[in-house]
């Protein structure tokens, strides 16, 4: 079997919705949905119903867009996240709240760890707190829509929610690795390392891209690969010998330029038949 990944499919865009409808089936393989499938429960439901029958299993992690509360929305913060998890479970998709599965890929047992860590504004120059980091980003004319649409309830702030999610994920990973001796694949919407959050056109957007709390997780938790999205800049890098795969599709103008070969799925496992990044 193989493990594939795609992120940031944004099916609110008609072209993206049509692209998802024509993705080929891989009935023996698993697929990671790396967050930002859309902005509503209906968007997520469409992707689960469309791709679920085409793969042996789906794994979903939330992006920031799924966590938006649109005008008129009744759910926000943790309550919205739990509803998204419940929807995934009804369609048989694994989430960051489910037991981590172990799959055989290339003859090696890999533990797959879907994560939800969010961000805490720490991808900024050293010495800045959240308020200073936000002012630094705004100074360049950049403001993420999360500031008015992503609510952290019942936590007092997004950084508090991020801290709670990181602590939760660290605990679960440590418990899982107490019995699993092989490598892991870490799956998150947000890049785990600040050096990966590079956006040439809007560099200070980095404060909405992750947390320094996860900088060493690829080493601490024996990752052979890390899958993420969010940046809309698909690429593969190696850090400390670990493969980092940014798997974003992005908006139509982006994927039409980034994927001239129309290969929108990124193979994660087995690594033995992948080229060196």
C-alpha atoms as a PDB file:
ATOM      1  CA  UNK A   1       0.000   0.000   0.000  1.00  0.00           C
ATOM      2  CA  UNK A   2       0.940   3.638  -0.371  1.00  0.00           C
ATOM      3  CA  UNK A   3       0.272   6.744   1.694  1.00  0.00           C
ATOM      4  CA  UNK A   4      -0.682   9.831  -0.307  1.00  0.00           C
ATOM      5  CA  UNK A   5      -1.296  13.407   0.798  1.00  0.00           C
ATOM      6  CA  UNK A   6      -3.079  16.500  -0.423  1.00  0.00           C
ATOM      7  CA  UNK A   7      -3.802  19.680   1.491  1.00  0.00           C
ATOM      8  CA  UNK A   8      -5.548  23.026   1.043  1.00  0.00           C
ATOM      9  CA  UNK A   9      -8.020  21.840  -1.576  1.00  0.00           C
ATOM     10  CA  UNK A  10     -10.375  24.782  -0.846  1.00  0.00           C
ATOM     11  CA  UNK A  11     -13.427  23.289  -2.514  1.00  0.00           C
ATOM     12  CA  UNK A  12     -15.337  26.539  -2.097  1.00  0.00           C
ATOM     13  CA  UNK A  13     -13.690  27.402  -5.426  1.00  0.00           C
ATOM     14  CA  UNK A  14     -15.650  25.708  -8.260  1.00  0.00           C
ATOM     15  CA  UNK A  15     -12.466  24.736 -10.137  1.00  0.00           C
ATOM     16  CA  UNK A  16     -11.100  23.010  -7.028  1.00  0.00           C
ATOM     17  CA  UNK A  17     -14.376  21.190  -6.433  1.00  0.00           C
ATOM     18  CA  UNK A  18     -14.264  19.875 -10.001  1.00  0.00           C
ATOM     19  CA  UNK A  19     -10.644  18.800  -9.563  1.00  0.00           C
ATOM     20  CA  UNK A  20     -11.525  16.762  -6.449  1.00  0.00           C
ATOM     21  CA  UNK A  21     -14.342  15.094  -8.375  1.00  0.00           C
ATOM     22  CA  UNK A  22     -11.906  13.851 -11.006  1.00  0.00           C
ATOM     23  CA  UNK A  23      -9.069  12.651  -8.761  1.00  0.00           C
ATOM     24  CA  UNK A  24      -8.313   8.991  -9.584  1.00  0.00           C
ATOM     25  CA  UNK A  25      -9.109   6.169  -7.192  1.00  0.00           C
ATOM     26  CA  UNK A  26      -6.416   4.348  -5.219  1.00  0.00           C
ATOM     27  CA  UNK A  27      -8.525   1.681  -3.519  1.00  0.00           C
ATOM     28  CA  UNK A  28      -5.617  -0.026  -1.737  1.00  0.00           C
ATOM     29  CA  UNK A  29      -3.989   3.177  -0.473  1.00  0.00           C
ATOM     30  CA  UNK A  30      -4.537   5.732   2.291  1.00  0.00           C
ATOM     31  CA  UNK A  31      -4.935   9.470   1.750  1.00  0.00           C
ATOM     32  CA  UNK A  32      -4.050  12.357   4.071  1.00  0.00           C
ATOM     33  CA  UNK A  33      -6.296  15.426   3.876  1.00  0.00           C
ATOM     34  CA  UNK A  34      -4.009  18.062   5.332  1.00  0.00           C
ATOM     35  CA  UNK A  35      -6.558  20.704   6.275  1.00  0.00           C
ATOM     36  CA  UNK A  36      -8.246  23.657   4.596  1.00  0.00           C
ATOM     37  CA  UNK A  37     -10.573  21.440   2.593  1.00  0.00           C
ATOM     38  CA  UNK A  38     -12.981  24.370   2.765  1.00  0.00           C
ATOM     39  CA  UNK A  39     -14.783  26.746   5.097  1.00  0.00           C
ATOM     40  CA  UNK A  40     -17.945  24.844   6.025  1.00  0.00           C
ATOM     41  CA  UNK A  41     -19.116  21.474   7.277  1.00  0.00           C
ATOM     42  CA  UNK A  42     -20.673  21.018   3.850  1.00  0.00           C
ATOM     43  CA  UNK A  43     -17.303  21.457   2.162  1.00  0.00           C
ATOM     44  CA  UNK A  44     -15.748  18.806   4.381  1.00  0.00           C
ATOM     45  CA  UNK A  45     -18.707  16.479   3.857  1.00  0.00           C
ATOM     46  CA  UNK A  46     -18.351  16.790   0.080  1.00  0.00           C
ATOM     47  CA  UNK A  47     -14.662  15.854   0.184  1.00  0.00           C
ATOM     48  CA  UNK A  48     -15.251  12.907   2.531  1.00  0.00           C
ATOM     49  CA  UNK A  49     -18.121  11.585   0.431  1.00  0.00           C
ATOM     50  CA  UNK A  50     -16.207  12.058  -2.828  1.00  0.00           C
ATOM     51  CA  UNK A  51     -12.812  10.667  -1.831  1.00  0.00           C
ATOM     52  CA  UNK A  52     -13.788   8.210   0.897  1.00  0.00           C
ATOM     53  CA  UNK A  53     -14.943   5.507  -1.563  1.00  0.00           C
ATOM     54  CA  UNK A  54     -11.789   5.932  -3.670  1.00  0.00           C
ATOM     55  CA  UNK A  55      -9.250   5.155  -0.906  1.00  0.00           C
ATOM     56  CA  UNK A  56      -8.892   2.458   1.704  1.00  0.00           C
ATOM     57  CA  UNK A  57      -8.813   5.128   4.457  1.00  0.00           C
ATOM     58  CA  UNK A  58      -8.791   8.892   4.836  1.00  0.00           C
ATOM     59  CA  UNK A  59      -6.912  10.831   7.515  1.00  0.00           C
ATOM     60  CA  UNK A  60      -7.992  14.418   8.199  1.00  0.00           C
ATOM     61  CA  UNK A  61      -6.388  17.223  10.183  1.00  0.00           C
ATOM     62  CA  UNK A  62      -7.957  20.678  10.536  1.00  0.00           C
ATOM     63  CA  UNK A  63      -6.650  23.776   8.865  1.00  0.00           C
ATOM     64  CA  UNK A  64      -7.487  27.275   9.949  1.00  0.00           C
ATOM     65  CA  UNK A  65     -10.206  27.633   7.292  1.00  0.00           C
ATOM     66  CA  UNK A  66     -12.277  24.738   8.674  1.00  0.00           C
ATOM     67  CA  UNK A  67     -12.234  26.524  12.025  1.00  0.00           C
ATOM     68  CA  UNK A  68     -13.661  29.770  10.685  1.00  0.00           C
ATOM     69  CA  UNK A  69     -17.029  30.870  11.994  1.00  0.00           C
ATOM     70  CA  UNK A  70     -18.740  32.491   9.025  1.00  0.00           C
ATOM     71  CA  UNK A  71     -21.457  35.147   9.453  1.00  0.00           C
ATOM     72  CA  UNK A  72     -24.522  33.474  10.917  1.00  0.00           C
ATOM     73  CA  UNK A  73     -22.535  30.470  12.147  1.00  0.00           C
ATOM     74  CA  UNK A  74     -23.541  29.066  15.536  1.00  0.00           C
ATOM     75  CA  UNK A  75     -20.455  26.993  16.332  1.00  0.00           C
ATOM     76  CA  UNK A  76     -16.983  28.306  17.011  1.00  0.00           C
ATOM     77  CA  UNK A  77     -13.695  27.289  18.593  1.00  0.00           C
ATOM     78  CA  UNK A  78     -13.516  23.908  20.262  1.00  0.00           C
ATOM     79  CA  UNK A  79     -17.218  23.204  19.679  1.00  0.00           C
ATOM     80  CA  UNK A  80     -16.768  23.660  15.919  1.00  0.00           C
ATOM     81  CA  UNK A  81     -13.664  21.479  15.924  1.00  0.00           C
ATOM     82  CA  UNK A  82     -15.525  18.685  17.729  1.00  0.00           C
ATOM     83  CA  UNK A  83     -18.322  18.844  15.157  1.00  0.00           C
ATOM     84  CA  UNK A  84     -15.762  18.497  12.357  1.00  0.00           C
ATOM     85  CA  UNK A  85     -14.273  15.470  14.122  1.00  0.00           C
ATOM     86  CA  UNK A  86     -17.715  13.912  14.497  1.00  0.00           C
ATOM     87  CA  UNK A  87     -18.398  14.406  10.781  1.00  0.00           C
ATOM     88  CA  UNK A  88     -15.124  12.699   9.872  1.00  0.00           C
ATOM     89  CA  UNK A  89     -15.890   9.774  12.139  1.00  0.00           C
ATOM     90  CA  UNK A  90     -19.312   9.305  10.568  1.00  0.00           C
ATOM     91  CA  UNK A  91     -17.514   8.881   7.243  1.00  0.00           C
ATOM     92  CA  UNK A  92     -14.812   6.573   8.599  1.00  0.00           C
ATOM     93  CA  UNK A  93     -11.995   9.129   8.409  1.00  0.00           C
ATOM     94  CA  UNK A  94      -9.354   9.269  11.145  1.00  0.00           C
ATOM     95  CA  UNK A  95      -8.722  12.528  13.041  1.00  0.00           C
ATOM     96  CA  UNK A  96      -6.298  13.906  15.658  1.00  0.00           C
ATOM     97  CA  UNK A  97      -8.680  12.547  18.318  1.00  0.00           C
ATOM     98  CA  UNK A  98      -8.471   8.914  17.221  1.00  0.00           C
ATOM     99  CA  UNK A  99      -5.926   6.203  18.087  1.00  0.00           C
ATOM    100  CA  UNK A 100      -2.838   6.500  15.909  1.00  0.00           C
ATOM    101  CA  UNK A 101      -2.836   3.694  13.323  1.00  0.00           C
ATOM    102  CA  UNK A 102       0.217   1.687  12.312  1.00  0.00           C
ATOM    103  CA  UNK A 103       0.523   0.736   8.648  1.00  0.00           C
ATOM    104  CA  UNK A 104       2.975  -1.391   6.730  1.00  0.00           C
ATOM    105  CA  UNK A 105       4.583   0.524   3.882  1.00  0.00           C
ATOM    106  CA  UNK A 106       7.643  -0.809   2.121  1.00  0.00           C
ATOM    107  CA  UNK A 107       7.877  -3.561   4.716  1.00  0.00           C
ATOM    108  CA  UNK A 108       8.278  -1.071   7.582  1.00  0.00           C
ATOM    109  CA  UNK A 109       5.603  -0.403  10.240  1.00  0.00           C
ATOM    110  CA  UNK A 110       4.934   3.331  10.431  1.00  0.00           C
ATOM    111  CA  UNK A 111       2.830   5.003  13.087  1.00  0.00           C
ATOM    112  CA  UNK A 112       0.682   7.732  11.521  1.00  0.00           C
ATOM    113  CA  UNK A 113       0.069  10.674  13.840  1.00  0.00           C
ATOM    114  CA  UNK A 114      -2.543  13.227  12.715  1.00  0.00           C
ATOM    115  CA  UNK A 115      -2.037  16.407  14.761  1.00  0.00           C
ATOM    116  CA  UNK A 116      -3.788  19.688  15.449  1.00  0.00           C
ATOM    117  CA  UNK A 117      -1.370  22.228  16.930  1.00  0.00           C
ATOM    118  CA  UNK A 118      -2.552  25.620  15.604  1.00  0.00           C
ATOM    119  CA  UNK A 119      -0.179  28.624  16.009  1.00  0.00           C
ATOM    120  CA  UNK A 120       0.883  31.095  18.691  1.00  0.00           C
ATOM    121  CA  UNK A 121       2.484  34.001  16.760  1.00  0.00           C
ATOM    122  CA  UNK A 122       5.994  32.788  17.646  1.00  0.00           C
ATOM    123  CA  UNK A 123       7.211  32.498  14.037  1.00  0.00           C
ATOM    124  CA  UNK A 124       8.555  36.036  14.297  1.00  0.00           C
ATOM    125  CA  UNK A 125      11.836  37.752  15.215  1.00  0.00           C
ATOM    126  CA  UNK A 126      13.292  36.692  18.557  1.00  0.00           C
ATOM    127  CA  UNK A 127      12.110  38.624  21.587  1.00  0.00           C
ATOM    128  CA  UNK A 128       8.631  39.465  20.320  1.00  0.00           C
ATOM    129  CA  UNK A 129       5.531  38.471  22.250  1.00  0.00           C
ATOM    130  CA  UNK A 130       2.166  37.852  20.520  1.00  0.00           C
ATOM    131  CA  UNK A 131       1.068  41.496  20.580  1.00  0.00           C
ATOM    132  CA  UNK A 132       4.365  42.767  19.180  1.00  0.00           C
ATOM    133  CA  UNK A 133       4.375  40.014  16.550  1.00  0.00           C
ATOM    134  CA  UNK A 134       0.883  40.943  15.424  1.00  0.00           C
ATOM    135  CA  UNK A 135       1.847  44.609  15.185  1.00  0.00           C
ATOM    136  CA  UNK A 136       4.951  43.609  13.208  1.00  0.00           C
ATOM    137  CA  UNK A 137       2.822  41.712  10.685  1.00  0.00           C
ATOM    138  CA  UNK A 138       0.181  44.440  10.413  1.00  0.00           C
ATOM    139  CA  UNK A 139       2.955  46.976   9.832  1.00  0.00           C
ATOM    140  CA  UNK A 140       3.684  45.243   6.526  1.00  0.00           C
ATOM    141  CA  UNK A 141       0.029  45.367   5.481  1.00  0.00           C
ATOM    142  CA  UNK A 142      -0.693  41.713   6.286  1.00  0.00           C
ATOM    143  CA  UNK A 143      -3.638  40.597   8.432  1.00  0.00           C
ATOM    144  CA  UNK A 144      -4.899  37.020   8.440  1.00  0.00           C
ATOM    145  CA  UNK A 145      -8.673  36.548   8.254  1.00  0.00           C
ATOM    146  CA  UNK A 146      -8.327  34.325  11.338  1.00  0.00           C
ATOM    147  CA  UNK A 147      -8.179  37.486  13.422  1.00  0.00           C
ATOM    148  CA  UNK A 148     -11.908  37.998  12.894  1.00  0.00           C
ATOM    149  CA  UNK A 149     -13.102  34.502  11.946  1.00  0.00           C
ATOM    150  CA  UNK A 150     -11.193  31.915  14.009  1.00  0.00           C
ATOM    151  CA  UNK A 151     -12.379  31.950  17.605  1.00  0.00           C
ATOM    152  CA  UNK A 152     -10.500  30.054  20.352  1.00  0.00           C
ATOM    153  CA  UNK A 153     -13.483  29.444  22.690  1.00  0.00           C
ATOM    154  CA  UNK A 154     -13.380  28.317  25.442  1.00  0.00           C
ATOM    155  CA  UNK A 155      -9.687  29.279  25.542  1.00  0.00           C
ATOM    156  CA  UNK A 156      -8.837  32.941  26.170  1.00  0.00           C
ATOM    157  CA  UNK A 157      -6.660  33.231  23.058  1.00  0.00           C
ATOM    158  CA  UNK A 158      -5.439  31.326  20.016  1.00  0.00           C
ATOM    159  CA  UNK A 159      -2.025  30.946  21.622  1.00  0.00           C
ATOM    160  CA  UNK A 160      -3.629  29.377  24.713  1.00  0.00           C
ATOM    161  CA  UNK A 161      -5.504  26.922  22.496  1.00  0.00           C
ATOM    162  CA  UNK A 162      -2.238  26.212  20.680  1.00  0.00           C
ATOM    163  CA  UNK A 163      -0.447  25.498  23.967  1.00  0.00           C
ATOM    164  CA  UNK A 164      -3.202  23.106  25.073  1.00  0.00           C
ATOM    165  CA  UNK A 165      -3.163  21.288  21.741  1.00  0.00           C
ATOM    166  CA  UNK A 166       0.622  20.927  21.766  1.00  0.00           C
ATOM    167  CA  UNK A 167       0.612  19.536  25.298  1.00  0.00           C
ATOM    168  CA  UNK A 168      -2.136  17.091  24.360  1.00  0.00           C
ATOM    169  CA  UNK A 169      -0.299  15.960  21.222  1.00  0.00           C
ATOM    170  CA  UNK A 170       3.045  15.588  23.021  1.00  0.00           C
ATOM    171  CA  UNK A 171       1.439  13.396  25.638  1.00  0.00           C
ATOM    172  CA  UNK A 172      -0.271  11.180  23.085  1.00  0.00           C
ATOM    173  CA  UNK A 173       2.847  10.835  20.949  1.00  0.00           C
ATOM    174  CA  UNK A 174       4.972   9.919  23.962  1.00  0.00           C
ATOM    175  CA  UNK A 175       2.444   7.292  25.014  1.00  0.00           C
ATOM    176  CA  UNK A 176       2.255   5.831  21.508  1.00  0.00           C
ATOM    177  CA  UNK A 177       6.029   5.608  21.127  1.00  0.00           C
ATOM    178  CA  UNK A 178       6.291   3.729  24.403  1.00  0.00           C
ATOM    179  CA  UNK A 179       4.914   0.701  22.535  1.00  0.00           C
ATOM    180  CA  UNK A 180       5.774   1.471  18.900  1.00  0.00           C
ATOM    181  CA  UNK A 181       9.462   0.989  18.079  1.00  0.00           C
ATOM    182  CA  UNK A 182       9.393   2.012  14.431  1.00  0.00           C
ATOM    183  CA  UNK A 183       9.287   5.369  12.640  1.00  0.00           C
ATOM    184  CA  UNK A 184       6.382   7.794  12.546  1.00  0.00           C
ATOM    185  CA  UNK A 185       4.742  10.088  10.026  1.00  0.00           C
ATOM    186  CA  UNK A 186       3.700  13.383  11.621  1.00  0.00           C
ATOM    187  CA  UNK A 187       0.716  15.035   9.918  1.00  0.00           C
ATOM    188  CA  UNK A 188      -0.299  18.626  10.621  1.00  0.00           C
ATOM    189  CA  UNK A 189      -1.780  21.480   8.649  1.00  0.00           C
ATOM    190  CA  UNK A 190       0.862  23.853   9.979  1.00  0.00           C
ATOM    191  CA  UNK A 191       4.605  23.484   9.320  1.00  0.00           C
ATOM    192  CA  UNK A 192       6.351  22.260  12.456  1.00  0.00           C
ATOM    193  CA  UNK A 193       9.417  24.441  11.967  1.00  0.00           C
ATOM    194  CA  UNK A 194       9.815  28.182  11.586  1.00  0.00           C
ATOM    195  CA  UNK A 195      12.395  27.799   8.795  1.00  0.00           C
ATOM    196  CA  UNK A 196       9.699  26.201   6.636  1.00  0.00           C
ATOM    197  CA  UNK A 197       7.231  29.079   7.028  1.00  0.00           C
ATOM    198  CA  UNK A 198       8.719  31.120   4.208  1.00  0.00           C
ATOM    199  CA  UNK A 199       6.266  33.047   2.029  1.00  0.00           C
ATOM    200  CA  UNK A 200       8.242  35.294  -0.348  1.00  0.00           C
ATOM    201  CA  UNK A 201       5.332  37.586  -1.221  1.00  0.00           C
ATOM    202  CA  UNK A 202       4.006  37.997   2.334  1.00  0.00           C
ATOM    203  CA  UNK A 203       6.914  37.059   4.636  1.00  0.00           C
ATOM    204  CA  UNK A 204       5.345  38.381   7.856  1.00  0.00           C
ATOM    205  CA  UNK A 205       2.339  36.105   7.408  1.00  0.00           C
ATOM    206  CA  UNK A 206       4.618  33.574   9.120  1.00  0.00           C
ATOM    207  CA  UNK A 207       3.142  34.474  12.540  1.00  0.00           C
ATOM    208  CA  UNK A 208      -0.046  32.609  11.554  1.00  0.00           C
ATOM    209  CA  UNK A 209       1.887  29.538  10.380  1.00  0.00           C
ATOM    210  CA  UNK A 210       2.824  27.556  13.472  1.00  0.00           C
ATOM    211  CA  UNK A 211       4.579  27.442  16.814  1.00  0.00           C
ATOM    212  CA  UNK A 212       8.164  27.060  17.997  1.00  0.00           C
ATOM    213  CA  UNK A 213       6.905  24.418  20.425  1.00  0.00           C
ATOM    214  CA  UNK A 214       7.069  21.851  17.607  1.00  0.00           C
ATOM    215  CA  UNK A 215      10.540  22.680  16.243  1.00  0.00           C
ATOM    216  CA  UNK A 216      12.148  19.416  17.402  1.00  0.00           C
ATOM    217  CA  UNK A 217       9.211  17.050  17.104  1.00  0.00           C
ATOM    218  CA  UNK A 218      10.556  15.386  13.971  1.00  0.00           C
ATOM    219  CA  UNK A 219      13.550  14.233  16.049  1.00  0.00           C
ATOM    220  CA  UNK A 220      11.830  13.648  19.376  1.00  0.00           C
ATOM    221  CA  UNK A 221       9.109  11.500  17.858  1.00  0.00           C
ATOM    222  CA  UNK A 222      11.205   9.514  15.345  1.00  0.00           C
ATOM    223  CA  UNK A 223       9.622  10.880  12.197  1.00  0.00           C
ATOM    224  CA  UNK A 224      10.626   9.493   8.845  1.00  0.00           C
ATOM    225  CA  UNK A 225       8.320  12.028   7.180  1.00  0.00           C
ATOM    226  CA  UNK A 226       6.343  15.136   8.106  1.00  0.00           C
ATOM    227  CA  UNK A 227       3.311  16.183   6.069  1.00  0.00           C
ATOM    228  CA  UNK A 228       1.953  19.719   6.209  1.00  0.00           C
ATOM    229  CA  UNK A 229       0.219  22.359   4.089  1.00  0.00           C
ATOM    230  CA  UNK A 230      -1.042  25.911   4.727  1.00  0.00           C
ATOM    231  CA  UNK A 231       1.630  27.715   2.690  1.00  0.00           C
ATOM    232  CA  UNK A 232       0.299  26.923  -0.795  1.00  0.00           C
ATOM    233  CA  UNK A 233       3.897  26.329  -1.880  1.00  0.00           C
ATOM    234  CA  UNK A 234       4.219  22.580  -2.540  1.00  0.00           C
ATOM    235  CA  UNK A 235       7.752  21.320  -2.089  1.00  0.00           C
ATOM    236  CA  UNK A 236       9.856  18.621  -0.458  1.00  0.00           C
ATOM    237  CA  UNK A 237      12.752  19.305   1.886  1.00  0.00           C
ATOM    238  CA  UNK A 238      14.957  17.272   4.184  1.00  0.00           C
ATOM    239  CA  UNK A 239      15.733  18.496   7.687  1.00  0.00           C
ATOM    240  CA  UNK A 240      17.986  16.350   9.898  1.00  0.00           C
ATOM    241  CA  UNK A 241      17.451  13.545   7.403  1.00  0.00           C
ATOM    242  CA  UNK A 242      13.641  13.743   7.739  1.00  0.00           C
ATOM    243  CA  UNK A 243      11.474  14.303   4.675  1.00  0.00           C
ATOM    244  CA  UNK A 244       9.147  17.332   5.018  1.00  0.00           C
ATOM    245  CA  UNK A 245       6.372  17.370   2.426  1.00  0.00           C
ATOM    246  CA  UNK A 246       4.286  20.486   1.827  1.00  0.00           C
ATOM    247  CA  UNK A 247       1.244  19.025   0.052  1.00  0.00           C
ATOM    248  CA  UNK A 248      -0.917  22.061  -0.735  1.00  0.00           C
ATOM    249  CA  UNK A 249      -3.113  22.270  -3.794  1.00  0.00           C
ATOM    250  CA  UNK A 250      -4.048  25.916  -3.292  1.00  0.00           C
ATOM    251  CA  UNK A 251      -6.338  28.155  -5.304  1.00  0.00           C
ATOM    252  CA  UNK A 252      -6.809  27.682  -9.076  1.00  0.00           C
ATOM    253  CA  UNK A 253      -4.193  30.195 -10.189  1.00  0.00           C
ATOM    254  CA  UNK A 254      -1.697  28.520  -7.839  1.00  0.00           C
ATOM    255  CA  UNK A 255      -2.252  24.856  -8.700  1.00  0.00           C
ATOM    256  CA  UNK A 256      -2.472  25.522 -12.408  1.00  0.00           C
ATOM    257  CA  UNK A 257       1.067  26.912 -12.170  1.00  0.00           C
ATOM    258  CA  UNK A 258       2.468  24.492  -9.562  1.00  0.00           C
ATOM    259  CA  UNK A 259       1.193  21.228 -11.075  1.00  0.00           C
ATOM    260  CA  UNK A 260       1.751  21.310 -14.857  1.00  0.00           C
ATOM    261  CA  UNK A 261       1.938  17.488 -14.833  1.00  0.00           C
ATOM    262  CA  UNK A 262      -1.469  17.285 -13.076  1.00  0.00           C
ATOM    263  CA  UNK A 263      -0.085  15.040 -10.366  1.00  0.00           C
ATOM    264  CA  UNK A 264      -1.878  16.617  -7.445  1.00  0.00           C
ATOM    265  CA  UNK A 265      -1.311  13.838  -4.901  1.00  0.00           C
ATOM    266  CA  UNK A 266       2.004  13.592  -3.062  1.00  0.00           C
ATOM    267  CA  UNK A 267       3.321  10.152  -2.221  1.00  0.00           C
ATOM    268  CA  UNK A 268       4.593   9.966   1.351  1.00  0.00           C
ATOM    269  CA  UNK A 269       5.173   6.213   1.791  1.00  0.00           C
ATOM    270  CA  UNK A 270       6.909   4.020   0.967  1.00  0.00           C
ATOM    271  CA  UNK A 271       9.941   6.276   0.843  1.00  0.00           C
ATOM    272  CA  UNK A 272      12.096   3.663  -0.890  1.00  0.00           C
ATOM    273  CA  UNK A 273      10.695   4.549  -4.319  1.00  0.00           C
ATOM    274  CA  UNK A 274      10.758   8.342  -3.871  1.00  0.00           C
ATOM    275  CA  UNK A 275      13.485  10.595  -5.300  1.00  0.00           C
ATOM    276  CA  UNK A 276      15.744  12.486  -2.950  1.00  0.00           C
ATOM    277  CA  UNK A 277      14.497  16.028  -2.307  1.00  0.00           C
END
